[in-house]
Amino acid sequence: MNRLKLALALSLLVNAGVFGGVLYQSLGGAAERFPGLPAYLGLSDAQRARWEVLERDFMQDLYAVSREVALHRERLIRGALVEQADAAALEAERAAIAALQAEQQKHVIAQLLREREILDAAQRAKLARLLLEQAPDGALPIERLHRD
C-alpha cells in the first residue's frame, strides 16, 4: 500500500507542478521577469492575432481539465490519509487522474502543432528552448518538497 501511495503522490505532484507552472505564467505571476510568450517570441501583429485566438481556446480547455484533476487529486489525498484507506477507491481516483492527464497531454501536443503553423523557424526554436528549460534540474516536485 505504501508504494501505491508514493506512486500516486508522485503522479499528482508531477501533474500539479507542470500545470501549475503553465497556469502561473499564463496568469501573469511571473510578469516581472517574463514578458509573455507573444513578446518573448517576437510575434508580428498578424501572428499575435492568430496566437491569441489559439491561446484563449487552449487555456479554457486546460483550465477545465485542471479543475477536474484538482477534484480527483483532493479526493485521492484525503482518501489516502484516512485511518483505513480504500485501495479500490484510491485506484479509481488515480485512474481518473491518469485519463485526464492523458487528455491534457493530447491538448498540449495539438496546441504545439497549431502554434508551429504560426511561428517561423527561429520562433519555434526559441519556444522549444523555453519549454525544455521549464524543469532544468529534472527534480520532481515531491523531491523539491523534501530538500533541506
N, C-alpha and C. Protein backbone atom coordinates (compact mmCIF):
# COMPACT_ATOMS: atom_id res chain seq x y z
N MET A 1 0.82 -1.20 0.00
CA MET A 1 0.00 0.00 0.00
C MET A 1 0.86 1.27 0.00
N ASN A 2 2.02 1.22 0.68
CA ASN A 2 2.89 2.39 0.73
C ASN A 2 3.42 2.75 -0.64
N ARG A 3 3.75 1.75 -1.46
CA ARG A 3 4.24 2.03 -2.82
C ARG A 3 3.14 2.67 -3.66
N LEU A 4 1.92 2.19 -3.49
CA LEU A 4 0.79 2.78 -4.22
C LEU A 4 0.63 4.24 -3.83
N LYS A 5 0.70 4.51 -2.55
CA LYS A 5 0.57 5.90 -2.08
C LYS A 5 1.69 6.77 -2.64
N LEU A 6 2.92 6.26 -2.62
CA LEU A 6 4.04 7.02 -3.15
C LEU A 6 3.87 7.28 -4.65
N ALA A 7 3.48 6.24 -5.38
CA ALA A 7 3.28 6.40 -6.83
C ALA A 7 2.18 7.41 -7.11
N LEU A 8 1.11 7.35 -6.36
CA LEU A 8 0.02 8.30 -6.53
C LEU A 8 0.47 9.72 -6.21
N ALA A 9 1.20 9.85 -5.13
CA ALA A 9 1.69 11.18 -4.75
C ALA A 9 2.62 11.75 -5.80
N LEU A 10 3.53 10.93 -6.31
CA LEU A 10 4.44 11.39 -7.36
C LEU A 10 3.67 11.83 -8.60
N SER A 11 2.72 11.02 -9.01
CA SER A 11 1.92 11.35 -10.19
C SER A 11 1.19 12.68 -10.00
N LEU A 12 0.60 12.83 -8.84
CA LEU A 12 -0.14 14.06 -8.56
C LEU A 12 0.77 15.28 -8.51
N LEU A 13 1.91 15.13 -7.88
CA LEU A 13 2.81 16.26 -7.76
C LEU A 13 3.43 16.66 -9.09
N VAL A 14 3.76 15.68 -9.91
CA VAL A 14 4.29 16.00 -11.24
C VAL A 14 3.24 16.78 -12.03
N ASN A 15 2.02 16.26 -12.02
CA ASN A 15 0.93 16.93 -12.74
C ASN A 15 0.72 18.34 -12.21
N ALA A 16 0.65 18.47 -10.90
CA ALA A 16 0.42 19.78 -10.31
C ALA A 16 1.55 20.75 -10.63
N GLY A 17 2.78 20.25 -10.61
CA GLY A 17 3.92 21.11 -10.90
C GLY A 17 3.93 21.62 -12.32
N VAL A 18 3.70 20.72 -13.26
CA VAL A 18 3.70 21.09 -14.68
C VAL A 18 2.59 22.08 -14.97
N PHE A 19 1.39 21.75 -14.59
CA PHE A 19 0.27 22.61 -14.92
C PHE A 19 0.22 23.86 -14.06
N GLY A 20 0.74 23.76 -12.85
CA GLY A 20 0.85 24.95 -12.03
C GLY A 20 1.78 25.97 -12.66
N GLY A 21 2.89 25.49 -13.22
CA GLY A 21 3.83 26.38 -13.90
C GLY A 21 3.21 27.06 -15.10
N VAL A 22 2.49 26.28 -15.89
CA VAL A 22 1.82 26.84 -17.06
C VAL A 22 0.79 27.88 -16.63
N LEU A 23 -0.01 27.53 -15.64
CA LEU A 23 -1.04 28.46 -15.18
C LEU A 23 -0.42 29.70 -14.55
N TYR A 24 0.65 29.52 -13.79
CA TYR A 24 1.32 30.64 -13.15
C TYR A 24 1.79 31.65 -14.18
N GLN A 25 2.44 31.17 -15.22
CA GLN A 25 2.93 32.08 -16.25
C GLN A 25 1.78 32.70 -17.02
N SER A 26 0.76 31.92 -17.32
CA SER A 26 -0.34 32.46 -18.12
C SER A 26 -1.15 33.49 -17.34
N LEU A 27 -1.17 33.38 -16.01
CA LEU A 27 -1.91 34.33 -15.20
C LEU A 27 -1.09 35.56 -14.85
N GLY A 28 0.15 35.61 -15.30
CA GLY A 28 0.96 36.80 -15.10
C GLY A 28 1.76 36.81 -13.82
N GLY A 29 1.82 35.70 -13.09
CA GLY A 29 2.57 35.65 -11.84
C GLY A 29 4.04 35.92 -12.04
N ALA A 30 4.57 35.64 -13.21
CA ALA A 30 5.98 35.86 -13.48
C ALA A 30 6.17 37.06 -14.40
N ALA A 31 5.21 37.96 -14.42
CA ALA A 31 5.22 39.08 -15.36
C ALA A 31 6.43 39.99 -15.19
N GLU A 32 6.96 40.09 -13.95
CA GLU A 32 8.09 40.98 -13.73
C GLU A 32 9.32 40.54 -14.52
N ARG A 33 9.48 39.24 -14.72
CA ARG A 33 10.69 38.77 -15.40
C ARG A 33 10.40 38.12 -16.74
N PHE A 34 9.16 37.82 -17.03
CA PHE A 34 8.83 37.20 -18.31
C PHE A 34 7.78 38.04 -19.02
N PRO A 35 8.06 38.50 -20.23
CA PRO A 35 7.16 39.45 -20.90
C PRO A 35 5.91 38.82 -21.50
N GLY A 36 5.76 37.50 -21.43
CA GLY A 36 4.66 36.81 -22.09
C GLY A 36 5.16 36.21 -23.39
N LEU A 37 4.55 35.12 -23.79
CA LEU A 37 5.03 34.42 -24.98
C LEU A 37 5.00 35.24 -26.25
N PRO A 38 3.94 35.98 -26.56
CA PRO A 38 3.95 36.75 -27.81
C PRO A 38 5.13 37.73 -27.89
N ALA A 39 5.40 38.43 -26.80
CA ALA A 39 6.53 39.37 -26.80
C ALA A 39 7.86 38.62 -26.81
N TYR A 40 7.96 37.58 -26.00
CA TYR A 40 9.19 36.79 -25.94
C TYR A 40 9.56 36.21 -27.30
N LEU A 41 8.55 35.73 -28.03
CA LEU A 41 8.79 35.13 -29.35
C LEU A 41 8.90 36.17 -30.45
N GLY A 42 8.54 37.42 -30.16
CA GLY A 42 8.62 38.47 -31.16
C GLY A 42 7.58 38.29 -32.26
N LEU A 43 6.35 37.99 -31.87
CA LEU A 43 5.30 37.77 -32.86
C LEU A 43 4.93 39.06 -33.58
N SER A 44 4.68 38.94 -34.86
CA SER A 44 4.16 40.08 -35.63
C SER A 44 2.70 40.30 -35.23
N ASP A 45 2.13 41.40 -35.67
CA ASP A 45 0.72 41.66 -35.36
C ASP A 45 -0.19 40.55 -35.90
N ALA A 46 0.08 40.08 -37.10
CA ALA A 46 -0.73 39.01 -37.70
C ALA A 46 -0.57 37.71 -36.90
N GLN A 47 0.66 37.40 -36.52
CA GLN A 47 0.90 36.20 -35.72
C GLN A 47 0.22 36.32 -34.36
N ARG A 48 0.32 37.49 -33.77
CA ARG A 48 -0.26 37.71 -32.44
C ARG A 48 -1.77 37.53 -32.48
N ALA A 49 -2.42 38.01 -33.51
CA ALA A 49 -3.88 37.86 -33.62
C ALA A 49 -4.26 36.39 -33.68
N ARG A 50 -3.57 35.61 -34.48
CA ARG A 50 -3.85 34.18 -34.57
C ARG A 50 -3.51 33.48 -33.25
N TRP A 51 -2.39 33.86 -32.66
CA TRP A 51 -1.92 33.27 -31.41
C TRP A 51 -2.96 33.46 -30.29
N GLU A 52 -3.48 34.68 -30.19
CA GLU A 52 -4.43 34.97 -29.10
C GLU A 52 -5.69 34.14 -29.20
N VAL A 53 -6.18 33.88 -30.41
CA VAL A 53 -7.35 33.02 -30.58
C VAL A 53 -7.03 31.60 -30.14
N LEU A 54 -5.89 31.09 -30.59
CA LEU A 54 -5.48 29.73 -30.21
C LEU A 54 -5.27 29.63 -28.70
N GLU A 55 -4.62 30.61 -28.13
CA GLU A 55 -4.29 30.60 -26.71
C GLU A 55 -5.55 30.63 -25.85
N ARG A 56 -6.51 31.46 -26.23
CA ARG A 56 -7.75 31.58 -25.45
C ARG A 56 -8.46 30.23 -25.38
N ASP A 57 -8.63 29.59 -26.52
CA ASP A 57 -9.32 28.30 -26.55
C ASP A 57 -8.53 27.23 -25.80
N PHE A 58 -7.21 27.22 -25.99
CA PHE A 58 -6.36 26.23 -25.32
C PHE A 58 -6.43 26.39 -23.81
N MET A 59 -6.31 27.62 -23.32
CA MET A 59 -6.31 27.84 -21.88
C MET A 59 -7.67 27.50 -21.27
N GLN A 60 -8.75 27.76 -21.97
CA GLN A 60 -10.07 27.37 -21.46
C GLN A 60 -10.15 25.86 -21.28
N ASP A 61 -9.68 25.12 -22.27
CA ASP A 61 -9.65 23.66 -22.17
C ASP A 61 -8.75 23.20 -21.04
N LEU A 62 -7.57 23.80 -20.94
CA LEU A 62 -6.61 23.42 -19.92
C LEU A 62 -7.16 23.68 -18.52
N TYR A 63 -7.78 24.84 -18.32
CA TYR A 63 -8.37 25.15 -17.01
C TYR A 63 -9.47 24.16 -16.65
N ALA A 64 -10.31 23.83 -17.61
CA ALA A 64 -11.42 22.91 -17.34
C ALA A 64 -10.90 21.55 -16.89
N VAL A 65 -9.93 21.01 -17.60
CA VAL A 65 -9.38 19.70 -17.23
C VAL A 65 -8.60 19.82 -15.92
N SER A 66 -7.89 20.92 -15.72
CA SER A 66 -7.13 21.11 -14.48
C SER A 66 -8.06 21.13 -13.26
N ARG A 67 -9.22 21.73 -13.40
CA ARG A 67 -10.20 21.74 -12.30
C ARG A 67 -10.66 20.32 -11.98
N GLU A 68 -10.88 19.50 -13.02
CA GLU A 68 -11.27 18.11 -12.79
C GLU A 68 -10.16 17.33 -12.11
N VAL A 69 -8.93 17.53 -12.56
CA VAL A 69 -7.79 16.85 -11.94
C VAL A 69 -7.71 17.25 -10.46
N ALA A 70 -7.89 18.52 -10.18
CA ALA A 70 -7.80 19.00 -8.79
C ALA A 70 -8.84 18.33 -7.91
N LEU A 71 -10.05 18.12 -8.42
CA LEU A 71 -11.08 17.44 -7.63
C LEU A 71 -10.69 16.01 -7.31
N HIS A 72 -10.20 15.29 -8.32
CA HIS A 72 -9.77 13.90 -8.10
C HIS A 72 -8.54 13.85 -7.19
N ARG A 73 -7.65 14.80 -7.36
CA ARG A 73 -6.44 14.85 -6.54
C ARG A 73 -6.81 15.04 -5.07
N GLU A 74 -7.74 15.94 -4.81
CA GLU A 74 -8.16 16.18 -3.43
C GLU A 74 -8.77 14.91 -2.83
N ARG A 75 -9.64 14.25 -3.60
CA ARG A 75 -10.25 13.00 -3.11
C ARG A 75 -9.19 11.94 -2.85
N LEU A 76 -8.20 11.86 -3.74
CA LEU A 76 -7.15 10.87 -3.58
C LEU A 76 -6.32 11.15 -2.33
N ILE A 77 -5.92 12.38 -2.15
CA ILE A 77 -5.11 12.73 -0.97
C ILE A 77 -5.88 12.48 0.31
N ARG A 78 -7.10 12.97 0.35
CA ARG A 78 -7.91 12.77 1.56
C ARG A 78 -8.13 11.27 1.82
N GLY A 79 -8.41 10.53 0.76
CA GLY A 79 -8.65 9.10 0.90
C GLY A 79 -7.41 8.32 1.31
N ALA A 80 -6.25 8.77 0.86
CA ALA A 80 -5.00 8.07 1.19
C ALA A 80 -4.58 8.33 2.63
N LEU A 81 -5.00 9.43 3.20
CA LEU A 81 -4.53 9.80 4.52
C LEU A 81 -5.53 9.54 5.65
N VAL A 82 -6.60 8.83 5.34
CA VAL A 82 -7.53 8.43 6.40
C VAL A 82 -6.98 7.20 7.11
N GLU A 83 -7.55 6.89 8.25
CA GLU A 83 -7.08 5.74 9.04
C GLU A 83 -7.13 4.44 8.25
N GLN A 84 -8.23 4.18 7.58
CA GLN A 84 -8.41 2.95 6.79
C GLN A 84 -8.60 3.34 5.32
N ALA A 85 -7.52 3.39 4.57
CA ALA A 85 -7.59 3.78 3.15
C ALA A 85 -8.24 2.67 2.34
N ASP A 86 -9.08 3.08 1.38
CA ASP A 86 -9.76 2.15 0.47
C ASP A 86 -8.94 2.08 -0.82
N ALA A 87 -8.20 0.98 -0.99
CA ALA A 87 -7.31 0.84 -2.13
C ALA A 87 -8.05 0.93 -3.46
N ALA A 88 -9.25 0.39 -3.55
CA ALA A 88 -10.01 0.43 -4.79
C ALA A 88 -10.44 1.86 -5.12
N ALA A 89 -10.84 2.60 -4.12
CA ALA A 89 -11.24 4.00 -4.34
C ALA A 89 -10.03 4.83 -4.75
N LEU A 90 -8.88 4.58 -4.12
CA LEU A 90 -7.67 5.30 -4.48
C LEU A 90 -7.26 4.98 -5.91
N GLU A 91 -7.36 3.72 -6.29
CA GLU A 91 -7.02 3.33 -7.65
C GLU A 91 -7.97 3.99 -8.65
N ALA A 92 -9.24 4.08 -8.31
CA ALA A 92 -10.20 4.73 -9.21
C ALA A 92 -9.86 6.20 -9.40
N GLU A 93 -9.47 6.88 -8.32
CA GLU A 93 -9.08 8.29 -8.42
C GLU A 93 -7.80 8.42 -9.25
N ARG A 94 -6.82 7.53 -9.01
CA ARG A 94 -5.58 7.55 -9.78
C ARG A 94 -5.86 7.35 -11.26
N ALA A 95 -6.73 6.40 -11.58
CA ALA A 95 -7.08 6.13 -12.98
C ALA A 95 -7.77 7.33 -13.61
N ALA A 96 -8.64 7.98 -12.86
CA ALA A 96 -9.32 9.18 -13.38
C ALA A 96 -8.31 10.29 -13.65
N ILE A 97 -7.37 10.47 -12.74
CA ILE A 97 -6.34 11.49 -12.93
C ILE A 97 -5.48 11.14 -14.15
N ALA A 98 -5.09 9.88 -14.26
CA ALA A 98 -4.26 9.47 -15.40
C ALA A 98 -4.97 9.71 -16.72
N ALA A 99 -6.27 9.42 -16.78
CA ALA A 99 -7.03 9.64 -18.01
C ALA A 99 -7.11 11.14 -18.33
N LEU A 100 -7.32 11.94 -17.31
CA LEU A 100 -7.37 13.40 -17.52
C LEU A 100 -6.01 13.93 -17.94
N GLN A 101 -4.93 13.42 -17.34
CA GLN A 101 -3.59 13.85 -17.72
C GLN A 101 -3.30 13.47 -19.17
N ALA A 102 -3.74 12.29 -19.58
CA ALA A 102 -3.54 11.88 -20.98
C ALA A 102 -4.30 12.82 -21.90
N GLU A 103 -5.51 13.21 -21.49
CA GLU A 103 -6.30 14.16 -22.28
C GLU A 103 -5.57 15.50 -22.36
N GLN A 104 -5.03 15.96 -21.24
CA GLN A 104 -4.30 17.22 -21.24
C GLN A 104 -3.08 17.16 -22.14
N GLN A 105 -2.36 16.06 -22.10
CA GLN A 105 -1.18 15.92 -22.95
C GLN A 105 -1.56 15.97 -24.42
N LYS A 106 -2.68 15.36 -24.77
CA LYS A 106 -3.15 15.43 -26.16
C LYS A 106 -3.46 16.88 -26.55
N HIS A 107 -4.08 17.63 -25.63
CA HIS A 107 -4.38 19.04 -25.89
C HIS A 107 -3.10 19.85 -26.07
N VAL A 108 -2.11 19.56 -25.23
CA VAL A 108 -0.83 20.29 -25.31
C VAL A 108 -0.15 20.01 -26.64
N ILE A 109 -0.11 18.74 -27.05
CA ILE A 109 0.51 18.38 -28.32
C ILE A 109 -0.22 19.04 -29.48
N ALA A 110 -1.54 18.99 -29.45
CA ALA A 110 -2.32 19.62 -30.52
C ALA A 110 -2.06 21.13 -30.56
N GLN A 111 -1.94 21.74 -29.38
CA GLN A 111 -1.65 23.18 -29.33
C GLN A 111 -0.28 23.48 -29.91
N LEU A 112 0.71 22.68 -29.55
CA LEU A 112 2.05 22.90 -30.10
C LEU A 112 2.05 22.78 -31.62
N LEU A 113 1.29 21.84 -32.15
CA LEU A 113 1.21 21.69 -33.60
C LEU A 113 0.54 22.90 -34.25
N ARG A 114 -0.49 23.44 -33.59
CA ARG A 114 -1.15 24.66 -34.12
C ARG A 114 -0.20 25.85 -34.05
N GLU A 115 0.52 25.96 -32.93
CA GLU A 115 1.46 27.06 -32.77
C GLU A 115 2.58 26.97 -33.80
N ARG A 116 3.01 25.77 -34.09
CA ARG A 116 4.07 25.56 -35.08
C ARG A 116 3.68 26.19 -36.41
N GLU A 117 2.42 26.11 -36.76
CA GLU A 117 1.95 26.67 -38.03
C GLU A 117 2.01 28.19 -38.06
N ILE A 118 1.98 28.81 -36.90
CA ILE A 118 2.01 30.27 -36.81
C ILE A 118 3.45 30.79 -36.80
N LEU A 119 4.36 30.04 -36.21
CA LEU A 119 5.72 30.52 -35.94
C LEU A 119 6.67 30.23 -37.09
N ASP A 120 7.68 31.09 -37.22
CA ASP A 120 8.76 30.81 -38.17
C ASP A 120 9.79 29.91 -37.46
N ALA A 121 10.81 29.49 -38.16
CA ALA A 121 11.78 28.54 -37.63
C ALA A 121 12.49 29.07 -36.38
N ALA A 122 12.89 30.33 -36.40
CA ALA A 122 13.59 30.90 -35.25
C ALA A 122 12.67 30.97 -34.03
N GLN A 123 11.42 31.33 -34.25
CA GLN A 123 10.47 31.41 -33.14
C GLN A 123 10.18 30.02 -32.58
N ARG A 124 10.08 29.02 -33.46
CA ARG A 124 9.86 27.64 -32.98
C ARG A 124 11.04 27.19 -32.13
N ALA A 125 12.25 27.49 -32.56
CA ALA A 125 13.44 27.11 -31.79
C ALA A 125 13.45 27.81 -30.43
N LYS A 126 13.07 29.06 -30.41
CA LYS A 126 13.03 29.82 -29.16
C LYS A 126 11.99 29.24 -28.21
N LEU A 127 10.82 28.89 -28.74
CA LEU A 127 9.77 28.29 -27.92
C LEU A 127 10.22 26.93 -27.39
N ALA A 128 10.85 26.14 -28.23
CA ALA A 128 11.34 24.82 -27.80
C ALA A 128 12.33 24.97 -26.66
N ARG A 129 13.28 25.91 -26.77
CA ARG A 129 14.26 26.12 -25.70
C ARG A 129 13.56 26.50 -24.40
N LEU A 130 12.60 27.40 -24.49
CA LEU A 130 11.88 27.85 -23.30
C LEU A 130 11.16 26.68 -22.63
N LEU A 131 10.46 25.88 -23.42
CA LEU A 131 9.72 24.75 -22.85
C LEU A 131 10.65 23.71 -22.25
N LEU A 132 11.77 23.47 -22.89
CA LEU A 132 12.72 22.48 -22.38
C LEU A 132 13.43 22.95 -21.11
N GLU A 133 13.49 24.26 -20.90
CA GLU A 133 14.15 24.81 -19.71
C GLU A 133 13.21 24.90 -18.51
N GLN A 134 11.95 24.55 -18.65
CA GLN A 134 11.00 24.72 -17.56
C GLN A 134 11.36 23.94 -16.30
N ALA A 135 11.95 22.77 -16.42
CA ALA A 135 12.38 21.99 -15.26
C ALA A 135 13.81 21.52 -15.50
N PRO A 136 14.78 22.46 -15.51
CA PRO A 136 16.13 22.10 -15.91
C PRO A 136 16.83 21.11 -14.98
N ASP A 137 16.48 21.08 -13.69
CA ASP A 137 17.19 20.18 -12.80
C ASP A 137 16.63 18.77 -12.82
N GLY A 138 15.49 18.57 -13.47
CA GLY A 138 14.90 17.24 -13.59
C GLY A 138 14.26 16.75 -12.30
N ALA A 139 14.28 17.55 -11.26
CA ALA A 139 13.71 17.12 -9.99
C ALA A 139 12.19 17.15 -10.05
N LEU A 140 11.59 16.14 -9.47
CA LEU A 140 10.14 16.10 -9.36
C LEU A 140 9.71 17.04 -8.25
N PRO A 141 8.49 17.59 -8.32
CA PRO A 141 8.04 18.48 -7.25
C PRO A 141 8.14 17.86 -5.86
N ILE A 142 7.89 16.55 -5.74
CA ILE A 142 7.99 15.92 -4.42
C ILE A 142 9.43 15.96 -3.91
N GLU A 143 10.39 15.87 -4.80
CA GLU A 143 11.79 15.94 -4.39
C GLU A 143 12.09 17.34 -3.85
N ARG A 144 11.54 18.36 -4.48
CA ARG A 144 11.77 19.73 -4.03
C ARG A 144 11.20 19.95 -2.64
N LEU A 145 10.08 19.29 -2.33
CA LEU A 145 9.48 19.43 -1.00
C LEU A 145 10.35 18.81 0.08
N HIS A 146 11.13 17.81 -0.27
CA HIS A 146 11.92 17.08 0.71
C HIS A 146 13.37 17.53 0.77
N ARG A 147 13.72 18.56 0.05
CA ARG A 147 15.08 19.09 0.12
C ARG A 147 15.25 19.91 1.38
N ASP A 148 16.45 19.88 1.91
CA ASP A 148 16.74 20.68 3.13
C ASP A 148 16.97 22.12 2.79
